[in-house]
Amino acid sequence: FTQVVRRYSETADMPVMHRMNSENAAVIMNYIIDHYADCTLESISDYLHFSTQYTSRFIKSAIGLSFSGLLTEIRLQKAKNLLVSTPMKIDDISEHLGYANTETLIRVFKRMIGVTPSAYRREYNALHSGEPFIR
C-alpha cells in the first residue's frame, strides 16, 4: 500500500508541476508583453517572488530563449507592428520600446530581421500599395 501511495503521489505531482510551469511561463510572457519598455529580469523575479537565477533558468527551459532574447523578440514584434501601423518616427518607436538610443534599435533590428526599420517600413508599404517593389 505504501508503494502505491508513493507512486501515485509521484505521478500526481507531475501534472500539477507541469501546469504550474505553464502558468508561470504564461505569466512571464504576459508580464514582458505588458512591460517591454522597462522590463528587467529583476522586475520579473520580484513580481513572481523568485530569485533572478531561478527566473533566468526557468525562462530558458520553459520558453527556449534567454531573458534578453525573449525581451528582444517581443520588442522587435512591437517595432514591426508600429512600423507598419503608425507613422511614428524611428526615434519615437525606439524610445517607446525602451531602447536607450535609436542606434541600438536599428542595429538589433537589422541583425535579427535583415533590414533596417526604415527599409522594413518602405518594403511593407511598397508591397501593400501596389507599387513595384525594388530592394
Protein backbone atom coordinates (compact mmCIF):
# COMPACT_ATOMS: atom_id res chain seq x y z
CA PHE A 1 0.00 0.00 0.00
CA THR A 2 2.82 2.42 0.87
CA GLN A 3 4.45 1.84 -2.52
CA VAL A 4 1.17 2.52 -4.32
CA VAL A 5 0.74 5.80 -2.42
CA ARG A 6 4.34 6.82 -3.23
CA ARG A 7 3.92 6.02 -6.90
CA TYR A 8 0.57 7.81 -7.03
CA SER A 9 1.95 10.91 -5.33
CA GLU A 10 4.92 10.97 -7.73
CA THR A 11 2.67 10.73 -10.77
CA ALA A 12 0.04 13.07 -9.31
CA ASP A 13 2.61 15.80 -8.71
CA MET A 14 3.90 15.83 -12.27
CA PRO A 15 0.82 17.27 -13.97
CA VAL A 16 0.48 19.89 -11.24
CA MET A 17 4.13 20.90 -11.66
CA HIS A 18 3.73 20.96 -15.44
CA ARG A 19 0.65 23.14 -15.12
CA MET A 20 2.47 25.45 -12.70
CA ASN A 21 5.37 25.72 -15.15
CA SER A 22 2.97 26.52 -17.99
CA GLU A 23 1.15 29.07 -15.86
CA ASN A 24 4.43 30.70 -14.80
CA ALA A 25 5.62 30.80 -18.42
CA ALA A 26 2.36 32.50 -19.43
CA VAL A 27 2.67 34.96 -16.54
CA ILE A 28 6.24 35.78 -17.58
CA MET A 29 5.25 36.25 -21.22
CA ASN A 30 2.33 38.50 -20.28
CA TYR A 31 4.49 40.49 -17.88
CA ILE A 32 7.12 41.13 -20.56
CA ILE A 33 4.46 42.00 -23.16
CA ASP A 34 2.90 44.48 -20.73
CA HIS A 35 6.23 45.96 -19.53
CA TYR A 36 8.55 45.59 -22.53
CA ALA A 37 9.81 49.17 -22.29
CA ASP A 38 11.14 48.89 -18.75
CA CYS A 39 11.18 45.16 -18.03
CA THR A 40 14.20 43.63 -16.30
CA LEU A 41 14.97 40.15 -15.08
CA GLU A 42 14.90 41.57 -11.56
CA SER A 43 11.44 43.08 -12.01
CA ILE A 44 10.02 39.75 -13.22
CA SER A 45 11.74 37.91 -10.37
CA ASP A 46 10.32 40.35 -7.82
CA TYR A 47 6.87 40.06 -9.37
CA LEU A 48 6.94 36.24 -9.15
CA HIS A 49 8.83 36.16 -5.83
CA PHE A 50 11.59 34.05 -7.43
CA SER A 51 15.33 34.56 -7.37
CA THR A 52 16.82 36.09 -10.51
CA GLN A 53 18.88 32.94 -11.12
CA TYR A 54 15.79 30.72 -10.92
CA THR A 55 13.80 33.08 -13.14
CA SER A 56 16.56 33.14 -15.72
CA ARG A 57 16.86 29.33 -15.80
CA PHE A 58 13.08 28.94 -15.85
CA ILE A 59 12.66 31.27 -18.85
CA LYS A 60 15.39 29.44 -20.74
CA SER A 61 13.93 25.98 -20.03
CA ALA A 62 10.22 26.85 -20.39
CA ILE A 63 10.39 29.24 -23.34
CA GLY A 64 13.65 28.28 -25.00
CA LEU A 65 15.18 31.77 -25.03
CA SER A 66 17.23 33.72 -22.56
CA PHE A 67 15.50 36.64 -20.86
CA SER A 68 17.28 39.15 -23.09
CA GLY A 69 16.50 37.08 -26.19
CA LEU A 70 12.83 36.90 -25.24
CA LEU A 71 12.67 40.63 -24.49
CA THR A 72 14.35 41.40 -27.81
CA GLU A 73 11.88 39.18 -29.70
CA ILE A 74 8.92 40.89 -28.08
CA ARG A 75 10.35 44.35 -28.70
CA LEU A 76 11.02 43.53 -32.36
CA GLN A 77 7.47 42.26 -32.84
CA LYS A 78 6.19 45.51 -31.32
CA ALA A 79 8.57 47.51 -33.53
CA LYS A 80 7.38 45.75 -36.70
CA ASN A 81 3.78 46.37 -35.73
CA LEU A 82 4.42 50.06 -35.04
CA LEU A 83 6.39 50.46 -38.27
CA VAL A 84 3.54 49.21 -40.43
CA SER A 85 0.57 50.52 -38.48
CA THR A 86 1.66 54.00 -37.40
CA PRO A 87 3.52 56.96 -38.88
CA MET A 88 5.75 57.13 -35.75
CA LYS A 89 9.35 58.15 -36.35
CA ILE A 90 12.04 55.53 -35.72
CA ASP A 91 13.38 57.65 -32.83
CA ASP A 92 9.95 57.65 -31.19
CA ILE A 93 9.50 53.91 -31.71
CA SER A 94 12.91 53.28 -30.17
CA GLU A 95 12.03 55.36 -27.13
CA HIS A 96 8.59 53.71 -26.86
CA LEU A 97 10.22 50.27 -26.85
CA GLY A 98 12.64 51.21 -24.09
CA TYR A 99 15.87 51.36 -26.07
CA ALA A 100 18.42 53.83 -24.69
CA ASN A 101 19.18 55.13 -28.18
CA THR A 102 17.88 54.73 -31.69
CA GLU A 103 21.11 53.19 -32.98
CA THR A 104 20.57 50.19 -30.72
CA LEU A 105 17.14 49.53 -32.20
CA ILE A 106 18.47 49.93 -35.73
CA ARG A 107 21.42 47.58 -35.08
CA VAL A 108 19.29 44.90 -33.39
CA PHE A 109 16.54 45.17 -36.00
CA LYS A 110 18.99 44.81 -38.88
CA ARG A 111 20.77 41.86 -37.24
CA MET A 112 17.54 39.98 -36.43
CA ILE A 113 15.23 41.00 -39.32
CA GLY A 114 17.81 41.59 -42.03
CA VAL A 115 16.93 45.18 -42.91
CA THR A 116 16.80 48.50 -41.08
CA PRO A 117 13.48 49.66 -39.60
CA SER A 118 13.14 52.30 -42.33
CA ALA A 119 13.73 49.73 -45.07
CA TYR A 120 11.22 47.37 -43.42
CA ARG A 121 8.59 50.12 -43.44
CA ARG A 122 9.33 51.02 -47.08
CA GLU A 123 9.17 47.38 -48.18
CA TYR A 124 5.90 46.81 -46.32
CA ASN A 125 4.36 49.95 -47.78
CA ALA A 126 5.52 49.06 -51.30
CA LEU A 127 4.13 45.53 -51.04
CA HIS A 128 0.77 46.76 -49.80
CA SER A 129 0.37 49.79 -52.05
CA GLY A 130 0.62 48.07 -55.41
CA GLU A 131 3.81 49.93 -56.30
CA PRO A 132 6.71 47.96 -57.76
CA PHE A 133 8.99 46.63 -55.07
CA ILE A 134 12.70 47.27 -55.52
CA ARG A 135 15.23 46.26 -52.90
